[in-house]
Amino acid sequence: ASKEKDQVNTALLAMFQLQISKQMSEFTYKNSDDKHDIESATLCVVLKKWRECDVTRDKPFAWFTRVIYNAMYYYWNQLNKKQKMTISIDSIFQESV
């Protein structure tokens, strides 16, 4: 397995990618570039942290699911924090024709 060889094999990488793609639908994206950026950043986080999972103590699927979700949430917030939800006063009182 990957843990004994201390490297990610293709099956584990495919599992990470599948899990990431399934969880991507929980977020909304302004464009496909944002979606791909978050997907790539999340995969990098998982590839950095996969050794930390203790399969004898933790539930590996739940552990990886939480790591992936937390990374997506973090990067999604980073992309969206600069854009404030505001409504101009003029648009409130503007009559539609």
Protein backbone atom coordinates (compact mmCIF):
# COMPACT_ATOMS: atom_id res chain seq x y z
CA ALA A 1 0.00 0.00 0.00
CA SER A 2 0.97 3.66 -0.24
CA LYS A 3 1.71 4.13 3.47
CA GLU A 4 4.40 1.41 3.52
CA LYS A 5 6.07 2.75 0.38
CA ASP A 6 5.63 6.36 1.59
CA GLN A 7 4.26 7.46 -1.77
CA VAL A 8 0.85 7.99 -3.31
CA ASN A 9 -0.06 5.27 -5.78
CA THR A 10 -2.41 5.79 -8.71
CA ALA A 11 -5.36 4.17 -6.93
CA LEU A 12 -5.04 6.52 -3.94
CA LEU A 13 -4.64 9.54 -6.22
CA ALA A 14 -7.76 8.52 -8.15
CA MET A 15 -9.66 8.18 -4.85
CA PHE A 16 -8.58 11.68 -3.81
CA GLN A 17 -9.65 13.13 -7.16
CA LEU A 18 -13.00 11.34 -7.05
CA GLN A 19 -13.70 12.51 -3.52
CA ILE A 20 -12.76 16.09 -4.43
CA SER A 21 -14.97 16.09 -7.53
CA LYS A 22 -17.93 14.76 -5.53
CA GLN A 23 -17.56 17.45 -2.87
CA MET A 24 -17.09 20.28 -5.39
CA SER A 25 -20.85 20.39 -5.95
CA GLU A 26 -21.42 21.68 -2.40
CA PHE A 27 -20.05 25.09 -3.40
CA THR A 28 -21.07 27.59 -6.07
CA TYR A 29 -18.44 29.12 -8.31
CA LYS A 30 -18.44 32.34 -10.29
CA ASN A 31 -16.54 30.71 -13.15
CA SER A 32 -14.73 27.53 -14.11
CA ASP A 33 -11.32 29.05 -13.32
CA ASP A 34 -12.30 29.50 -9.66
CA LYS A 35 -13.57 25.93 -9.56
CA HIS A 36 -10.35 24.53 -11.02
CA ASP A 37 -8.20 26.69 -8.72
CA ILE A 38 -10.02 25.37 -5.65
CA GLU A 39 -9.85 21.81 -6.96
CA SER A 40 -6.09 22.04 -7.54
CA ALA A 41 -5.38 23.72 -4.21
CA THR A 42 -7.44 21.09 -2.40
CA LEU A 43 -5.57 18.26 -4.09
CA CYS A 44 -2.28 19.85 -3.02
CA VAL A 45 -3.46 20.00 0.59
CA VAL A 46 -4.54 16.35 0.55
CA LEU A 47 -1.23 15.29 -0.98
CA LYS A 48 0.61 17.16 1.78
CA LYS A 49 -1.50 15.71 4.60
CA TRP A 50 -2.19 12.11 3.56
CA ARG A 51 0.62 10.72 5.75
CA GLU A 52 -1.00 12.22 8.87
CA CYS A 53 -3.96 9.84 8.67
CA ASP A 54 -3.61 7.08 11.26
CA VAL A 55 -5.58 4.21 9.73
CA THR A 56 -5.38 2.21 12.96
CA ARG A 57 -7.08 4.93 14.99
CA ASP A 58 -8.98 7.13 12.56
CA LYS A 59 -11.67 6.27 10.08
CA PRO A 60 -9.69 7.00 6.90
CA PHE A 61 -12.64 7.87 4.66
CA ALA A 62 -14.11 10.30 7.19
CA TRP A 63 -10.68 11.79 7.87
CA PHE A 64 -9.98 12.46 4.18
CA THR A 65 -13.50 13.76 3.62
CA ARG A 66 -13.00 16.32 6.41
CA VAL A 67 -9.54 17.35 5.15
CA ILE A 68 -10.92 17.85 1.64
CA TYR A 69 -13.97 19.78 2.82
CA ASN A 70 -11.90 22.04 5.08
CA ALA A 71 -9.45 22.81 2.28
CA MET A 72 -12.26 23.59 -0.17
CA TYR A 73 -14.00 25.78 2.38
CA TYR A 74 -10.78 27.67 3.12
CA TYR A 75 -9.91 28.33 -0.54
CA TRP A 76 -13.51 29.13 -1.48
CA ASN A 77 -13.58 31.77 1.28
CA GLN A 78 -10.23 33.15 0.11
CA LEU A 79 -11.63 33.69 -3.38
CA ASN A 80 -14.91 35.14 -2.20
CA LYS A 81 -13.97 37.28 0.81
CA LYS A 82 -13.01 40.29 -1.28
CA GLN A 83 -16.44 40.56 -2.82
CA LYS A 84 -18.97 42.06 -0.48
CA MET A 85 -22.67 41.55 -0.74
CA THR A 86 -23.92 45.12 -1.09
CA ILE A 87 -26.90 46.78 -2.70
CA SER A 88 -26.74 50.37 -3.75
CA ILE A 89 -29.35 52.77 -2.40
CA ASP A 90 -29.99 54.04 -5.93
CA SER A 91 -30.98 50.58 -7.14
CA ILE A 92 -33.53 50.23 -4.35
CA PHE A 93 -35.39 53.37 -5.34
CA GLN A 94 -34.98 53.05 -9.07
CA GLU A 95 -38.25 52.38 -10.82
CA SER A 96 -38.31 49.64 -13.37
CA VAL A 97 -39.82 50.57 -16.70
